[in-house]
Amino acid sequence: MSKGIRLAVVKEHNKAQDLWVVIDNKVYDVTKFRLEHPGGEDSLVDVAGRDATKDFNDVGHSSEAREMLKKYYIGDLDAADVAKKSPISAKPTEARNDSAAAPKQCCVLN
């Protein structure tokens, strides 16, 4: 298994001449693509060094654009930096036997 790329490393690549972005937990070096980008160089520079998933999806990129993105892929975002999301339908975990005597707390306090 290959080691993921930390978000802190991605943040270092935040300039037009060194431009990385994260889209759907995958890291892309789009430095060479910035001048070819149909939306203009500035739209890529605006999201340089950060998670651009929302920006990418909000624009409504075509399947061709998503396919082009593959050639700029350099790795996956490190698991420690991937946002932890649980499905809405997820059931709360059952209490372990050793915590039966512990008082229950609201999830906001955890």
N, C-alpha and C. Protein backbone atom coordinates (compact mmCIF):
# COMPACT_ATOMS: atom_id res chain seq x y z
N MET A 1 0.84 -1.18 0.00
CA MET A 1 0.00 0.00 0.00
C MET A 1 0.89 1.24 0.00
N SER A 2 0.60 2.18 -0.87
CA SER A 2 1.42 3.38 -0.94
C SER A 2 0.99 4.38 0.12
N LYS A 3 1.92 5.18 0.52
CA LYS A 3 1.66 6.19 1.54
C LYS A 3 0.91 7.35 0.91
N GLY A 4 -0.09 7.84 1.62
CA GLY A 4 -0.86 8.96 1.12
C GLY A 4 -0.11 10.27 1.24
N ILE A 5 -0.60 11.27 0.56
CA ILE A 5 -0.01 12.61 0.58
C ILE A 5 -0.76 13.43 1.62
N ARG A 6 -0.03 13.98 2.56
CA ARG A 6 -0.64 14.78 3.62
C ARG A 6 -1.13 16.11 3.07
N LEU A 7 -2.22 16.61 3.64
CA LEU A 7 -2.79 17.89 3.23
C LEU A 7 -1.79 19.03 3.45
N ALA A 8 -0.98 18.92 4.49
CA ALA A 8 0.04 19.94 4.76
C ALA A 8 1.03 20.04 3.59
N VAL A 9 1.33 18.91 2.96
CA VAL A 9 2.23 18.92 1.80
C VAL A 9 1.53 19.56 0.61
N VAL A 10 0.26 19.22 0.42
CA VAL A 10 -0.51 19.82 -0.68
C VAL A 10 -0.54 21.33 -0.53
N LYS A 11 -0.72 21.82 0.69
CA LYS A 11 -0.79 23.27 0.95
C LYS A 11 0.48 24.00 0.55
N GLU A 12 1.61 23.30 0.50
CA GLU A 12 2.88 23.92 0.09
C GLU A 12 2.92 24.21 -1.41
N HIS A 13 2.07 23.55 -2.16
CA HIS A 13 2.05 23.68 -3.62
C HIS A 13 0.87 24.58 -4.02
N ASN A 14 0.98 25.86 -3.68
CA ASN A 14 -0.14 26.77 -3.79
C ASN A 14 0.11 27.98 -4.70
N LYS A 15 1.00 27.80 -5.66
CA LYS A 15 1.33 28.89 -6.58
C LYS A 15 1.15 28.44 -8.02
N ALA A 16 1.03 29.36 -8.93
CA ALA A 16 0.81 29.04 -10.34
C ALA A 16 1.90 28.14 -10.90
N GLN A 17 3.14 28.34 -10.48
CA GLN A 17 4.26 27.54 -10.99
C GLN A 17 4.43 26.22 -10.26
N ASP A 18 3.61 25.97 -9.26
CA ASP A 18 3.67 24.75 -8.45
C ASP A 18 2.29 24.56 -7.83
N LEU A 19 1.39 23.92 -8.60
CA LEU A 19 -0.04 23.96 -8.29
C LEU A 19 -0.63 22.55 -8.12
N TRP A 20 -0.91 22.20 -6.86
CA TRP A 20 -1.56 20.93 -6.57
C TRP A 20 -2.95 21.21 -6.03
N VAL A 21 -3.87 20.29 -6.29
CA VAL A 21 -5.21 20.37 -5.73
C VAL A 21 -5.66 18.97 -5.31
N VAL A 22 -6.63 18.94 -4.42
CA VAL A 22 -7.26 17.69 -4.01
C VAL A 22 -8.69 17.70 -4.55
N ILE A 23 -9.06 16.62 -5.22
CA ILE A 23 -10.43 16.44 -5.70
C ILE A 23 -10.84 15.02 -5.35
N ASP A 24 -11.91 14.89 -4.59
CA ASP A 24 -12.41 13.58 -4.16
C ASP A 24 -11.31 12.74 -3.53
N ASN A 25 -10.55 13.36 -2.65
CA ASN A 25 -9.49 12.69 -1.87
C ASN A 25 -8.34 12.16 -2.73
N LYS A 26 -8.21 12.67 -3.94
CA LYS A 26 -7.08 12.34 -4.80
C LYS A 26 -6.31 13.64 -5.06
N VAL A 27 -4.99 13.52 -5.11
CA VAL A 27 -4.13 14.69 -5.28
C VAL A 27 -3.67 14.77 -6.73
N TYR A 28 -3.77 15.98 -7.29
CA TYR A 28 -3.39 16.22 -8.68
C TYR A 28 -2.40 17.38 -8.76
N ASP A 29 -1.38 17.20 -9.60
CA ASP A 29 -0.45 18.29 -9.91
C ASP A 29 -0.88 18.85 -11.26
N VAL A 30 -1.58 19.97 -11.21
CA VAL A 30 -2.13 20.57 -12.43
C VAL A 30 -1.32 21.78 -12.90
N THR A 31 -0.07 21.84 -12.46
CA THR A 31 0.80 22.96 -12.83
C THR A 31 0.88 23.13 -14.35
N LYS A 32 1.12 22.05 -15.07
CA LYS A 32 1.29 22.12 -16.53
C LYS A 32 -0.03 22.36 -17.26
N PHE A 33 -1.15 22.11 -16.59
CA PHE A 33 -2.46 22.26 -17.22
C PHE A 33 -3.04 23.66 -17.04
N ARG A 34 -2.49 24.44 -16.13
CA ARG A 34 -3.13 25.71 -15.76
C ARG A 34 -3.33 26.66 -16.94
N LEU A 35 -2.38 26.69 -17.88
CA LEU A 35 -2.52 27.60 -19.03
C LEU A 35 -3.50 27.07 -20.07
N GLU A 36 -3.79 25.78 -20.03
CA GLU A 36 -4.74 25.16 -20.96
C GLU A 36 -6.15 25.12 -20.40
N HIS A 37 -6.30 25.39 -19.12
CA HIS A 37 -7.60 25.26 -18.46
C HIS A 37 -8.63 26.19 -19.11
N PRO A 38 -9.74 25.63 -19.61
CA PRO A 38 -10.76 26.45 -20.28
C PRO A 38 -11.34 27.55 -19.39
N GLY A 39 -11.34 27.33 -18.08
CA GLY A 39 -11.86 28.34 -17.15
C GLY A 39 -10.84 29.41 -16.80
N GLY A 40 -9.65 29.30 -17.37
CA GLY A 40 -8.59 30.26 -17.11
C GLY A 40 -7.68 29.83 -15.97
N GLU A 41 -6.47 30.35 -16.03
CA GLU A 41 -5.46 30.03 -15.02
C GLU A 41 -5.90 30.45 -13.62
N ASP A 42 -6.54 31.61 -13.51
CA ASP A 42 -6.91 32.13 -12.20
C ASP A 42 -7.84 31.21 -11.42
N SER A 43 -8.72 30.52 -12.13
CA SER A 43 -9.64 29.63 -11.42
C SER A 43 -8.90 28.47 -10.77
N LEU A 44 -7.80 28.03 -11.34
CA LEU A 44 -6.99 26.98 -10.72
C LEU A 44 -6.12 27.56 -9.61
N VAL A 45 -5.56 28.71 -9.83
CA VAL A 45 -4.70 29.34 -8.82
C VAL A 45 -5.53 29.63 -7.56
N ASP A 46 -6.80 29.97 -7.74
CA ASP A 46 -7.68 30.25 -6.60
C ASP A 46 -7.84 29.05 -5.66
N VAL A 47 -7.72 27.84 -6.18
CA VAL A 47 -7.90 26.64 -5.36
C VAL A 47 -6.58 25.90 -5.12
N ALA A 48 -5.49 26.49 -5.50
CA ALA A 48 -4.17 25.86 -5.37
C ALA A 48 -3.86 25.53 -3.92
N GLY A 49 -3.36 24.32 -3.70
CA GLY A 49 -2.92 23.93 -2.37
C GLY A 49 -4.04 23.55 -1.42
N ARG A 50 -5.22 23.26 -1.94
CA ARG A 50 -6.32 22.92 -1.04
C ARG A 50 -7.28 21.92 -1.68
N ASP A 51 -8.27 21.53 -0.91
CA ASP A 51 -9.30 20.62 -1.41
C ASP A 51 -10.24 21.42 -2.31
N ALA A 52 -10.24 21.09 -3.58
CA ALA A 52 -11.04 21.81 -4.57
C ALA A 52 -12.26 21.00 -5.01
N THR A 53 -12.62 19.98 -4.25
CA THR A 53 -13.73 19.10 -4.64
C THR A 53 -15.02 19.88 -4.86
N LYS A 54 -15.39 20.71 -3.91
CA LYS A 54 -16.65 21.46 -4.03
C LYS A 54 -16.60 22.38 -5.24
N ASP A 55 -15.50 23.09 -5.42
CA ASP A 55 -15.35 24.00 -6.56
C ASP A 55 -15.46 23.22 -7.88
N PHE A 56 -14.78 22.09 -7.94
CA PHE A 56 -14.78 21.27 -9.15
C PHE A 56 -16.19 20.77 -9.46
N ASN A 57 -16.88 20.27 -8.44
CA ASN A 57 -18.22 19.74 -8.65
C ASN A 57 -19.25 20.83 -8.93
N ASP A 58 -19.11 21.99 -8.30
CA ASP A 58 -20.05 23.10 -8.50
C ASP A 58 -20.06 23.60 -9.94
N VAL A 59 -18.93 23.52 -10.60
CA VAL A 59 -18.82 23.98 -11.98
C VAL A 59 -19.52 23.02 -12.93
N GLY A 60 -19.60 21.77 -12.54
CA GLY A 60 -20.25 20.77 -13.38
C GLY A 60 -19.35 20.30 -14.52
N HIS A 61 -18.14 19.91 -14.19
CA HIS A 61 -17.20 19.43 -15.20
C HIS A 61 -17.75 18.22 -15.94
N SER A 62 -17.42 18.13 -17.20
CA SER A 62 -17.87 17.03 -18.05
C SER A 62 -17.12 15.75 -17.72
N SER A 63 -17.61 14.64 -18.27
CA SER A 63 -16.91 13.37 -18.09
C SER A 63 -15.55 13.42 -18.78
N GLU A 64 -15.43 14.19 -19.85
CA GLU A 64 -14.14 14.35 -20.52
C GLU A 64 -13.14 15.06 -19.62
N ALA A 65 -13.61 16.07 -18.89
CA ALA A 65 -12.74 16.79 -17.96
C ALA A 65 -12.28 15.87 -16.85
N ARG A 66 -13.18 15.04 -16.37
CA ARG A 66 -12.82 14.08 -15.32
C ARG A 66 -11.81 13.06 -15.84
N GLU A 67 -11.95 12.68 -17.07
CA GLU A 67 -11.00 11.74 -17.69
C GLU A 67 -9.63 12.40 -17.85
N MET A 68 -9.60 13.66 -18.25
CA MET A 68 -8.33 14.40 -18.41
C MET A 68 -7.59 14.50 -17.08
N LEU A 69 -8.34 14.61 -16.01
CA LEU A 69 -7.76 14.78 -14.69
C LEU A 69 -6.84 13.62 -14.33
N LYS A 70 -7.13 12.44 -14.86
CA LYS A 70 -6.36 11.24 -14.53
C LYS A 70 -4.87 11.38 -14.83
N LYS A 71 -4.53 12.12 -15.88
CA LYS A 71 -3.11 12.19 -16.22
C LYS A 71 -2.31 13.11 -15.28
N TYR A 72 -3.02 13.85 -14.43
CA TYR A 72 -2.36 14.73 -13.47
C TYR A 72 -2.36 14.15 -12.05
N TYR A 73 -2.90 12.96 -11.90
CA TYR A 73 -2.99 12.28 -10.61
C TYR A 73 -1.60 11.93 -10.09
N ILE A 74 -1.32 12.29 -8.83
CA ILE A 74 -0.02 11.96 -8.24
C ILE A 74 -0.15 11.12 -6.98
N GLY A 75 -1.35 10.94 -6.45
CA GLY A 75 -1.52 10.10 -5.27
C GLY A 75 -2.82 10.39 -4.54
N ASP A 76 -3.07 9.59 -3.52
CA ASP A 76 -4.26 9.76 -2.70
C ASP A 76 -3.95 10.64 -1.50
N LEU A 77 -4.95 11.35 -1.05
CA LEU A 77 -4.82 12.12 0.18
C LEU A 77 -4.63 11.14 1.32
N ASP A 78 -3.73 11.46 2.24
CA ASP A 78 -3.46 10.59 3.37
C ASP A 78 -4.74 10.35 4.17
N ALA A 79 -4.90 9.12 4.62
CA ALA A 79 -6.11 8.74 5.35
C ALA A 79 -6.35 9.63 6.57
N ALA A 80 -5.30 10.12 7.19
CA ALA A 80 -5.44 10.98 8.36
C ALA A 80 -6.09 12.32 8.02
N ASP A 81 -6.05 12.71 6.75
CA ASP A 81 -6.61 13.99 6.33
C ASP A 81 -7.96 13.86 5.62
N VAL A 82 -8.39 12.63 5.41
CA VAL A 82 -9.68 12.42 4.76
C VAL A 82 -10.78 12.68 5.78
N ALA A 83 -11.72 13.53 5.42
CA ALA A 83 -12.82 13.87 6.33
C ALA A 83 -13.59 12.61 6.68
N LYS A 84 -13.83 12.41 7.95
CA LYS A 84 -14.57 11.24 8.41
C LYS A 84 -16.06 11.58 8.37
N LYS A 85 -16.78 10.85 7.54
CA LYS A 85 -18.22 11.07 7.41
C LYS A 85 -18.92 9.74 7.63
N SER A 86 -19.97 9.77 8.40
CA SER A 86 -20.75 8.55 8.59
C SER A 86 -22.07 8.71 7.85
N PRO A 87 -22.59 7.64 7.31
CA PRO A 87 -23.86 7.72 6.60
C PRO A 87 -24.98 8.18 7.53
N ILE A 88 -25.94 8.87 7.00
CA ILE A 88 -27.05 9.37 7.79
C ILE A 88 -27.80 8.22 8.45
N SER A 89 -27.87 7.10 7.76
CA SER A 89 -28.61 5.96 8.28
C SER A 89 -27.82 5.11 9.27
N ALA A 90 -26.60 5.53 9.56
CA ALA A 90 -25.77 4.73 10.47
C ALA A 90 -26.39 4.68 11.85
N LYS A 91 -26.34 3.50 12.46
CA LYS A 91 -26.87 3.33 13.80
C LYS A 91 -25.76 3.62 14.80
N PRO A 92 -26.11 4.18 15.96
CA PRO A 92 -25.07 4.42 16.97
C PRO A 92 -24.46 3.09 17.41
N THR A 93 -23.19 3.12 17.74
CA THR A 93 -22.53 1.90 18.18
C THR A 93 -23.05 1.52 19.55
N GLU A 94 -23.13 0.23 19.78
CA GLU A 94 -23.61 -0.25 21.07
C GLU A 94 -22.51 -0.11 22.10
N ALA A 95 -22.92 0.14 23.34
CA ALA A 95 -21.95 0.32 24.42
C ALA A 95 -21.22 -0.99 24.67
N ARG A 96 -19.92 -0.89 24.95
CA ARG A 96 -19.16 -2.07 25.30
C ARG A 96 -19.51 -2.48 26.72
N ASN A 97 -19.28 -3.74 27.04
CA ASN A 97 -19.60 -4.26 28.38
C ASN A 97 -18.85 -3.51 29.48
N ASP A 98 -17.60 -3.11 29.22
CA ASP A 98 -16.81 -2.45 30.27
C ASP A 98 -17.23 -1.01 30.51
N SER A 99 -18.11 -0.47 29.68
CA SER A 99 -18.56 0.91 29.87
C SER A 99 -19.99 0.98 30.36
N ALA A 100 -20.55 -0.15 30.76
CA ALA A 100 -21.95 -0.18 31.18
C ALA A 100 -22.20 0.73 32.37
N ALA A 101 -21.23 0.88 33.27
CA ALA A 101 -21.42 1.69 34.46
C ALA A 101 -21.18 3.17 34.19
N ALA A 102 -20.57 3.49 33.08
CA ALA A 102 -20.26 4.90 32.77
C ALA A 102 -21.53 5.63 32.34
N PRO A 103 -21.70 6.87 32.79
CA PRO A 103 -22.89 7.63 32.39
C PRO A 103 -22.80 7.98 30.91
N LYS A 104 -23.94 8.01 30.27
CA LYS A 104 -24.01 8.36 28.85
C LYS A 104 -23.85 9.87 28.70
N GLN A 105 -23.17 10.28 27.64
CA GLN A 105 -23.00 11.70 27.37
C GLN A 105 -23.53 12.01 25.98
N CYS A 106 -23.90 13.21 25.80
CA CYS A 106 -24.34 13.68 24.49
C CYS A 106 -23.16 13.63 23.53
N CYS A 107 -23.44 13.36 22.28
CA CYS A 107 -22.35 13.26 21.29
C CYS A 107 -21.62 14.57 21.12
N VAL A 108 -22.24 15.69 21.45
CA VAL A 108 -21.59 16.99 21.31
C VAL A 108 -20.43 17.12 22.29
N LEU A 109 -20.52 16.43 23.41
CA LEU A 109 -19.48 16.52 24.43
C LEU A 109 -18.28 15.65 24.13
N ASN A 110 -18.44 14.69 23.24
CA ASN A 110 -17.34 13.75 22.95
C ASN A 110 -16.30 14.36 22.08
